PDB file of N, CA and C in Angstrom:
ATOM      1  N   MET A   1      37.157  -0.682  10.428  1.00  0.00           N
ATOM      2  CA  MET A   1      36.810  -0.024  11.671  1.00  0.00           C
ATOM      3  C   MET A   1      35.487  -0.588  12.187  1.00  0.00           C
ATOM      4  N   LYS A   2      35.473  -0.942  13.457  1.00  0.00           N
ATOM      5  CA  LYS A   2      34.268  -1.477  14.085  1.00  0.00           C
ATOM      6  C   LYS A   2      33.329  -0.329  14.427  1.00  0.00           C
ATOM      7  N   HIS A   3      32.076  -0.521  14.130  1.00  0.00           N
ATOM      8  CA  HIS A   3      31.080   0.508  14.406  1.00  0.00           C
ATOM      9  C   HIS A   3      30.360   0.192  15.708  1.00  0.00           C
ATOM     10  N   ASP A   4      29.896   1.221  16.373  1.00  0.00           N
ATOM     11  CA  ASP A   4      29.046   1.048  17.542  1.00  0.00           C
ATOM     12  C   ASP A   4      27.606   1.238  17.078  1.00  0.00           C
ATOM     13  N   HIS A   5      26.962   0.131  16.833  1.00  0.00           N
ATOM     14  CA  HIS A   5      25.605   0.168  16.292  1.00  0.00           C
ATOM     15  C   HIS A   5      24.539   0.016  17.374  1.00  0.00           C
ATOM     16  N   GLN A   6      24.909   0.123  18.653  1.00  0.00           N
ATOM     17  CA  GLN A   6      23.954  -0.167  19.715  1.00  0.00           C
ATOM     18  C   GLN A   6      22.704   0.707  19.642  1.00  0.00           C
ATOM     19  N   ALA A   7      22.855   1.977  19.359  1.00  0.00           N
ATOM     20  CA  ALA A   7      21.681   2.856  19.264  1.00  0.00           C
ATOM     21  C   ALA A   7      20.764   2.407  18.128  1.00  0.00           C
ATOM     22  N   SER A   8      21.357   2.028  17.003  1.00  0.00           N
ATOM     23  CA  SER A   8      20.553   1.543  15.872  1.00  0.00           C
ATOM     24  C   SER A   8      19.890   0.222  16.209  1.00  0.00           C
ATOM     25  N   ILE A   9      20.625  -0.648  16.881  1.00  0.00           N
ATOM     26  CA  ILE A   9      20.062  -1.943  17.285  1.00  0.00           C
ATOM     27  C   ILE A   9      18.875  -1.729  18.216  1.00  0.00           C
ATOM     28  N   ASN A  10      19.000  -0.798  19.148  1.00  0.00           N
ATOM     29  CA  ASN A  10      17.893  -0.514  20.062  1.00  0.00           C
ATOM     30  C   ASN A  10      16.662  -0.023  19.303  1.00  0.00           C
ATOM     31  N   LEU A  11      16.864   0.862  18.336  1.00  0.00           N
ATOM     32  CA  LEU A  11      15.741   1.335  17.523  1.00  0.00           C
ATOM     33  C   LEU A  11      15.106   0.188  16.745  1.00  0.00           C
ATOM     34  N   LEU A  12      15.936  -0.678  16.179  1.00  0.00           N
ATOM     35  CA  LEU A  12      15.416  -1.803  15.397  1.00  0.00           C
ATOM     36  C   LEU A  12      14.663  -2.798  16.278  1.00  0.00           C
ATOM     37  N   LYS A  13      15.158  -3.027  17.481  1.00  0.00           N
ATOM     38  CA  LYS A  13      14.450  -3.929  18.401  1.00  0.00           C
ATOM     39  C   LYS A  13      13.116  -3.329  18.826  1.00  0.00           C
ATOM     40  N   THR A  14      13.092  -2.029  19.038  1.00  0.00           N
ATOM     41  CA  THR A  14      11.832  -1.361  19.361  1.00  0.00           C
ATOM     42  C   THR A  14      10.859  -1.489  18.196  1.00  0.00           C
ATOM     43  N   ALA A  15      11.353  -1.286  16.981  1.00  0.00           N
ATOM     44  CA  ALA A  15      10.506  -1.431  15.790  1.00  0.00           C
ATOM     45  C   ALA A  15       9.982  -2.857  15.677  1.00  0.00           C
ATOM     46  N   LYS A  16      10.841  -3.829  15.962  1.00  0.00           N
ATOM     47  CA  LYS A  16      10.422  -5.238  15.915  1.00  0.00           C
ATOM     48  C   LYS A  16       9.270  -5.483  16.890  1.00  0.00           C
ATOM     49  N   GLY A  17       9.402  -4.961  18.108  1.00  0.00           N
ATOM     50  CA  GLY A  17       8.330  -5.118  19.092  1.00  0.00           C
ATOM     51  C   GLY A  17       7.044  -4.456  18.635  1.00  0.00           C
ATOM     52  N   GLN A  18       7.171  -3.285  18.032  1.00  0.00           N
ATOM     53  CA  GLN A  18       5.979  -2.596  17.538  1.00  0.00           C
ATOM     54  C   GLN A  18       5.341  -3.356  16.381  1.00  0.00           C
ATOM     55  N   ILE A  19       6.154  -3.936  15.517  1.00  0.00           N
ATOM     56  CA  ILE A  19       5.605  -4.719  14.403  1.00  0.00           C
ATOM     57  C   ILE A  19       4.847  -5.927  14.937  1.00  0.00           C
ATOM     58  N   GLU A  20       5.411  -6.584  15.949  1.00  0.00           N
ATOM     59  CA  GLU A  20       4.709  -7.719  16.554  1.00  0.00           C
ATOM     60  C   GLU A  20       3.377  -7.270  17.148  1.00  0.00           C
ATOM     61  N   ALA A  21       3.363  -6.090  17.771  1.00  0.00           N
ATOM     62  CA  ALA A  21       2.118  -5.553  18.322  1.00  0.00           C
ATOM     63  C   ALA A  21       1.126  -5.213  17.214  1.00  0.00           C
ATOM     64  N   ILE A  22       1.618  -4.687  16.107  1.00  0.00           N
ATOM     65  CA  ILE A  22       0.746  -4.365  14.971  1.00  0.00           C
ATOM     66  C   ILE A  22       0.109  -5.635  14.415  1.00  0.00           C
ATOM     67  N   ILE A  23       0.886  -6.699  14.337  1.00  0.00           N
ATOM     68  CA  ILE A  23       0.335  -7.972  13.862  1.00  0.00           C
ATOM     69  C   ILE A  23      -0.787  -8.428  14.787  1.00  0.00           C
ATOM     70  N   ARG A  24      -0.545  -8.351  16.107  1.00  0.00           N
ATOM     71  CA  ARG A  24      -1.589  -8.739  17.064  1.00  0.00           C
ATOM     72  C   ARG A  24      -2.819  -7.850  16.917  1.00  0.00           C
ATOM     73  N   MET A  25      -2.598  -6.547  16.782  1.00  0.00           N
ATOM     74  CA  MET A  25      -3.721  -5.624  16.618  1.00  0.00           C
ATOM     75  C   MET A  25      -4.545  -5.983  15.385  1.00  0.00           C
ATOM     76  N   THR A  26      -3.859  -6.323  14.308  1.00  0.00           N
ATOM     77  CA  THR A  26      -4.548  -6.671  13.064  1.00  0.00           C
ATOM     78  C   THR A  26      -5.312  -7.976  13.233  1.00  0.00           C
ATOM     79  N   GLU A  27      -4.681  -8.955  13.878  1.00  0.00           N
ATOM     80  CA  GLU A  27      -5.350 -10.240  14.125  1.00  0.00           C
ATOM     81  C   GLU A  27      -6.576 -10.066  15.016  1.00  0.00           C
ATOM     82  N   GLU A  28      -6.509  -9.106  15.928  1.00  0.00           N
ATOM     83  CA  GLU A  28      -7.624  -8.842  16.843  1.00  0.00           C
ATOM     84  C   GLU A  28      -8.661  -7.896  16.235  1.00  0.00           C
ATOM     85  N   ASP A  29      -8.452  -7.528  14.977  1.00  0.00           N
ATOM     86  CA  ASP A  29      -9.368  -6.653  14.246  1.00  0.00           C
ATOM     87  C   ASP A  29      -9.572  -5.322  14.969  1.00  0.00           C
ATOM     88  N   ARG A  30      -8.457  -4.746  15.436  1.00  0.00           N
ATOM     89  CA  ARG A  30      -8.503  -3.464  16.131  1.00  0.00           C
ATOM     90  C   ARG A  30      -8.786  -2.340  15.135  1.00  0.00           C
ATOM     91  N   TYR A  31      -9.050  -1.182  15.648  1.00  0.00           N
ATOM     92  CA  TYR A  31      -9.421  -0.013  14.857  1.00  0.00           C
ATOM     93  C   TYR A  31      -8.310   0.310  13.851  1.00  0.00           C
ATOM     94  N   CYS A  32      -8.683   0.405  12.593  1.00  0.00           N
ATOM     95  CA  CYS A  32      -7.718   0.564  11.499  1.00  0.00           C
ATOM     96  C   CYS A  32      -6.841   1.802  11.649  1.00  0.00           C
ATOM     97  N   VAL A  33      -7.399   2.894  12.125  1.00  0.00           N
ATOM     98  CA  VAL A  33      -6.616   4.120  12.286  1.00  0.00           C
ATOM     99  C   VAL A  33      -5.531   3.924  13.345  1.00  0.00           C
ATOM    100  N   ASP A  34      -5.848   3.189  14.405  1.00  0.00           N
ATOM    101  CA  ASP A  34      -4.835   2.897  15.427  1.00  0.00           C
ATOM    102  C   ASP A  34      -3.698   2.069  14.832  1.00  0.00           C
ATOM    103  N   ILE A  35      -4.042   1.104  14.016  1.00  0.00           N
ATOM    104  CA  ILE A  35      -3.028   0.270  13.356  1.00  0.00           C
ATOM    105  C   ILE A  35      -2.175   1.130  12.428  1.00  0.00           C
ATOM    106  N   ALA A  36      -2.823   1.980  11.651  1.00  0.00           N
ATOM    107  CA  ALA A  36      -2.092   2.846  10.719  1.00  0.00           C
ATOM    108  C   ALA A  36      -1.127   3.768  11.468  1.00  0.00           C
ATOM    109  N   ASN A  37      -1.551   4.299  12.607  1.00  0.00           N
ATOM    110  CA  ASN A  37      -0.665   5.153  13.403  1.00  0.00           C
ATOM    111  C   ASN A  37       0.545   4.382  13.919  1.00  0.00           C
ATOM    112  N   GLN A  38       0.347   3.148  14.308  1.00  0.00           N
ATOM    113  CA  GLN A  38       1.467   2.325  14.769  1.00  0.00           C
ATOM    114  C   GLN A  38       2.433   2.016  13.626  1.00  0.00           C
ATOM    115  N   ILE A  39       1.893   1.798  12.447  1.00  0.00           N
ATOM    116  CA  ILE A  39       2.753   1.563  11.276  1.00  0.00           C
ATOM    117  C   ILE A  39       3.603   2.798  10.997  1.00  0.00           C
ATOM    118  N   LEU A  40       3.006   3.974  11.092  1.00  0.00           N
ATOM    119  CA  LEU A  40       3.770   5.213  10.894  1.00  0.00           C
ATOM    120  C   LEU A  40       4.874   5.358  11.941  1.00  0.00           C
ATOM    121  N   ALA A  41       4.592   4.955  13.163  1.00  0.00           N
ATOM    122  CA  ALA A  41       5.601   5.028  14.220  1.00  0.00           C
ATOM    123  C   ALA A  41       6.780   4.108  13.912  1.00  0.00           C
ATOM    124  N   VAL A  42       6.487   2.913  13.393  1.00  0.00           N
ATOM    125  CA  VAL A  42       7.554   1.975  13.026  1.00  0.00           C
ATOM    126  C   VAL A  42       8.378   2.540  11.872  1.00  0.00           C
ATOM    127  N   GLU A  43       7.706   3.111  10.889  1.00  0.00           N
ATOM    128  CA  GLU A  43       8.435   3.710   9.765  1.00  0.00           C
ATOM    129  C   GLU A  43       9.402   4.781  10.263  1.00  0.00           C
ATOM    130  N   SER A  44       8.972   5.570  11.220  1.00  0.00           N
ATOM    131  CA  SER A  44       9.831   6.614  11.777  1.00  0.00           C
ATOM    132  C   SER A  44      11.057   6.011  12.466  1.00  0.00           C
ATOM    133  N   LEU A  45      10.860   4.955  13.231  1.00  0.00           N
ATOM    134  CA  LEU A  45      11.984   4.284  13.893  1.00  0.00           C
ATOM    135  C   LEU A  45      12.970   3.724  12.878  1.00  0.00           C
ATOM    136  N   LEU A  46      12.457   3.124  11.817  1.00  0.00           N
ATOM    137  CA  LEU A  46      13.329   2.549  10.792  1.00  0.00           C
ATOM    138  C   LEU A  46      14.129   3.637  10.082  1.00  0.00           C
ATOM    139  N   LYS A  47      13.493   4.769   9.829  1.00  0.00           N
ATOM    140  CA  LYS A  47      14.211   5.882   9.199  1.00  0.00           C
ATOM    141  C   LYS A  47      15.331   6.387  10.105  1.00  0.00           C
ATOM    142  N   LYS A  48      15.045   6.504  11.405  1.00  0.00           N
ATOM    143  CA  LYS A  48      16.067   6.954  12.351  1.00  0.00           C
ATOM    144  C   LYS A  48      17.235   5.973  12.400  1.00  0.00           C
ATOM    145  N   ALA A  49      16.925   4.683  12.442  1.00  0.00           N
ATOM    146  CA  ALA A  49      17.985   3.671  12.469  1.00  0.00           C
ATOM    147  C   ALA A  49      18.815   3.736  11.197  1.00  0.00           C
ATOM    148  N   ASN A  50      18.157   3.886  10.074  1.00  0.00           N
ATOM    149  CA  ASN A  50      18.868   3.960   8.800  1.00  0.00           C
ATOM    150  C   ASN A  50      19.785   5.178   8.755  1.00  0.00           C
ATOM    151  N   LEU A  51      19.303   6.308   9.221  1.00  0.00           N
ATOM    152  CA  LEU A  51      20.128   7.516   9.237  1.00  0.00           C
ATOM    153  C   LEU A  51      21.342   7.356  10.147  1.00  0.00           C
ATOM    154  N   GLN A  52      21.161   6.689  11.273  1.00  0.00           N
ATOM    155  CA  GLN A  52      22.298   6.451  12.168  1.00  0.00           C
ATOM    156  C   GLN A  52      23.336   5.557  11.503  1.00  0.00           C
ATOM    157  N   ILE A  53      22.868   4.506  10.841  1.00  0.00           N
ATOM    158  CA  ILE A  53      23.782   3.596  10.142  1.00  0.00           C
ATOM    159  C   ILE A  53      24.533   4.351   9.047  1.00  0.00           C
ATOM    160  N   LEU A  54      23.815   5.148   8.268  1.00  0.00           N
ATOM    161  CA  LEU A  54      24.457   5.905   7.189  1.00  0.00           C
ATOM    162  C   LEU A  54      25.442   6.940   7.723  1.00  0.00           C
ATOM    163  N   LYS A  55      25.104   7.578   8.839  1.00  0.00           N
ATOM    164  CA  LYS A  55      26.028   8.546   9.438  1.00  0.00           C
ATOM    165  C   LYS A  55      27.326   7.851   9.843  1.00  0.00           C
ATOM    166  N   GLN A  56      27.212   6.687  10.464  1.00  0.00           N
ATOM    167  CA  GLN A  56      28.419   5.949  10.840  1.00  0.00           C
ATOM    168  C   GLN A  56      29.214   5.546   9.605  1.00  0.00           C
ATOM    169  N   HIS A  57      28.509   5.189   8.544  1.00  0.00           N
ATOM    170  CA  HIS A  57      29.181   4.825   7.301  1.00  0.00           C
ATOM    171  C   HIS A  57      29.965   6.023   6.759  1.00  0.00           C
ATOM    172  N   LEU A  58      29.332   7.183   6.768  1.00  0.00           N
ATOM    173  CA  LEU A  58      30.019   8.395   6.304  1.00  0.00           C
ATOM    174  C   LEU A  58      31.213   8.736   7.193  1.00  0.00           C
ATOM    175  N   ASP A  59      31.028   8.626   8.497  1.00  0.00           N
ATOM    176  CA  ASP A  59      32.087   8.980   9.441  1.00  0.00           C
ATOM    177  C   ASP A  59      33.274   8.026   9.400  1.00  0.00           C
ATOM    178  N   SER A  60      33.035   6.787   8.975  1.00  0.00           N
ATOM    179  CA  SER A  60      34.138   5.819   8.992  1.00  0.00           C
ATOM    180  C   SER A  60      34.523   5.365   7.586  1.00  0.00           C
ATOM    181  N   CYS A  61      33.669   4.619   6.947  1.00  0.00           N
ATOM    182  CA  CYS A  61      34.017   4.006   5.657  1.00  0.00           C
ATOM    183  C   CYS A  61      34.313   5.042   4.578  1.00  0.00           C
ATOM    184  N   VAL A  62      33.457   6.037   4.468  1.00  0.00           N
ATOM    185  CA  VAL A  62      33.671   7.047   3.428  1.00  0.00           C
ATOM    186  C   VAL A  62      34.911   7.877   3.764  1.00  0.00           C
ATOM    187  N   ARG A  63      35.087   8.204   5.025  1.00  0.00           N
ATOM    188  CA  ARG A  63      36.279   8.959   5.431  1.00  0.00           C
ATOM    189  C   ARG A  63      37.552   8.161   5.121  1.00  0.00           C
ATOM    190  N   GLU A  64      37.535   6.856   5.429  1.00  0.00           N
ATOM    191  CA  GLU A  64      38.693   6.005   5.127  1.00  0.00           C
ATOM    192  C   GLU A  64      38.941   5.907   3.628  1.00  0.00           C
ATOM    193  N   SER A  65      37.858   5.978   2.847  1.00  0.00           N
ATOM    194  CA  SER A  65      38.000   5.845   1.396  1.00  0.00           C
ATOM    195  C   SER A  65      38.802   6.993   0.785  1.00  0.00           C
ATOM    196  N   LEU A  66      38.896   8.099   1.501  1.00  0.00           N
ATOM    197  CA  LEU A  66      39.698   9.226   1.015  1.00  0.00           C
ATOM    198  C   LEU A  66      41.173   8.862   0.923  1.00  0.00           C
ATOM    199  N   THR A  67      41.604   7.924   1.751  1.00  0.00           N
ATOM    200  CA  THR A  67      43.021   7.548   1.757  1.00  0.00           C
ATOM    201  C   THR A  67      43.300   6.207   1.103  1.00  0.00           C
ATOM    202  N   ASP A  68      42.278   5.366   0.948  1.00  0.00           N
ATOM    203  CA  ASP A  68      42.549   4.037   0.387  1.00  0.00           C
ATOM    204  C   ASP A  68      42.151   3.877  -1.080  1.00  0.00           C
ATOM    205  N   GLY A  69      41.725   4.967  -1.721  1.00  0.00           N
ATOM    206  CA  GLY A  69      41.453   4.919  -3.152  1.00  0.00           C
ATOM    207  C   GLY A  69      40.082   4.417  -3.547  1.00  0.00           C
ATOM    208  N   THR A  70      39.166   4.273  -2.591  1.00  0.00           N
ATOM    209  CA  THR A  70      37.826   3.780  -2.924  1.00  0.00           C
ATOM    210  C   THR A  70      36.763   4.871  -2.797  1.00  0.00           C
ATOM    211  N   TYR A  71      37.192   6.123  -2.817  1.00  0.00           N
ATOM    212  CA  TYR A  71      36.272   7.240  -2.611  1.00  0.00           C
ATOM    213  C   TYR A  71      35.129   7.253  -3.623  1.00  0.00           C
ATOM    214  N   GLU A  72      35.433   7.063  -4.898  1.00  0.00           N
ATOM    215  CA  GLU A  72      34.377   7.099  -5.922  1.00  0.00           C
ATOM    216  C   GLU A  72      33.360   5.988  -5.700  1.00  0.00           C
ATOM    217  N   GLU A  73      33.838   4.807  -5.346  1.00  0.00           N
ATOM    218  CA  GLU A  73      32.938   3.676  -5.084  1.00  0.00           C
ATOM    219  C   GLU A  73      32.029   3.979  -3.892  1.00  0.00           C
ATOM    220  N   LYS A  74      32.598   4.471  -2.814  1.00  0.00           N
ATOM    221  CA  LYS A  74      31.817   4.778  -1.610  1.00  0.00           C
ATOM    222  C   LYS A  74      30.838   5.921  -1.868  1.00  0.00           C
ATOM    223  N   THR A  75      31.262   6.897  -2.638  1.00  0.00           N
ATOM    224  CA  THR A  75      30.380   8.008  -2.989  1.00  0.00           C
ATOM    225  C   THR A  75      29.193   7.509  -3.805  1.00  0.00           C
ATOM    226  N   GLN A  76      29.444   6.621  -4.746  1.00  0.00           N
ATOM    227  CA  GLN A  76      28.363   6.074  -5.567  1.00  0.00           C
ATOM    228  C   GLN A  76      27.377   5.275  -4.719  1.00  0.00           C
ATOM    229  N   GLU A  77      27.875   4.553  -3.723  1.00  0.00           N
ATOM    230  CA  GLU A  77      26.979   3.815  -2.827  1.00  0.00           C
ATOM    231  C   GLU A  77      26.022   4.764  -2.115  1.00  0.00           C
ATOM    232  N   ILE A  78      26.543   5.879  -1.638  1.00  0.00           N
ATOM    233  CA  ILE A  78      25.698   6.859  -0.949  1.00  0.00           C
ATOM    234  C   ILE A  78      24.697   7.476  -1.921  1.00  0.00           C
ATOM    235  N   ILE A  79      25.128   7.783  -3.123  1.00  0.00           N
ATOM    236  CA  ILE A  79      24.221   8.335  -4.138  1.00  0.00           C
ATOM    237  C   ILE A  79      23.098   7.347  -4.433  1.00  0.00           C
ATOM    238  N   ASN A  80      23.417   6.068  -4.521  1.00  0.00           N
ATOM    239  CA  ASN A  80      22.396   5.043  -4.767  1.00  0.00           C
ATOM    240  C   ASN A  80      21.363   5.009  -3.638  1.00  0.00           C
ATOM    241  N   ILE A  81      21.826   5.127  -2.403  1.00  0.00           N
ATOM    242  CA  ILE A  81      20.903   5.147  -1.263  1.00  0.00           C
ATOM    243  C   ILE A  81      20.017   6.390  -1.318  1.00  0.00           C
ATOM    244  N   ILE A  82      20.598   7.534  -1.598  1.00  0.00           N
ATOM    245  CA  ILE A  82      19.821   8.776  -1.690  1.00  0.00           C
ATOM    246  C   ILE A  82      18.772   8.662  -2.790  1.00  0.00           C
ATOM    247  N   ASN A  83      19.140   8.066  -3.916  1.00  0.00           N
ATOM    248  CA  ASN A  83      18.170   7.864  -5.000  1.00  0.00           C
ATOM    249  C   ASN A  83      16.995   7.013  -4.547  1.00  0.00           C
ATOM    250  N   LYS A  84      17.246   6.013  -3.720  1.00  0.00           N
ATOM    251  CA  LYS A  84      16.156   5.172  -3.207  1.00  0.00           C
ATOM    252  C   LYS A  84      15.249   5.970  -2.279  1.00  0.00           C
ATOM    253  N   TYR A  85      15.824   6.882  -1.512  1.00  0.00           N
ATOM    254  CA  TYR A  85      15.029   7.724  -0.618  1.00  0.00           C
ATOM    255  C   TYR A  85      14.079   8.632  -1.384  1.00  0.00           C
ATOM    256  N   VAL A  86      14.536   9.176  -2.489  1.00  0.00           N
ATOM    257  CA  VAL A  86      13.724  10.165  -3.198  1.00  0.00           C
ATOM    258  C   VAL A  86      12.713   9.547  -4.156  1.00  0.00           C
ATOM    259  N   LYS A  87      12.758   8.262  -4.345  1.00  0.00           N
ATOM    260  CA  LYS A  87      11.786   7.613  -5.245  1.00  0.00           C
ATOM    261  C   LYS A  87      10.474   7.378  -4.554  1.00  0.00           C
TER     262      LYS A  87
END
């Protein structure tokens, strides 16, 4: 099943632009707190994009796995991702 990742792509492109701006800010020796705030903003965008990707995965791949016999494998993949989040 083809996913519509446009919303995630938009978030990732925004994060890319912010990262480029953070690099410039750092090169220009801008105020460290301003840089840190921009880094936090990028982290938030990446988390949102990741959640959107995972939601689509659950809605499609995991749902399909209920009928094609790969449910345990798909479930383990999600558990592995959750474990990475909580570390």
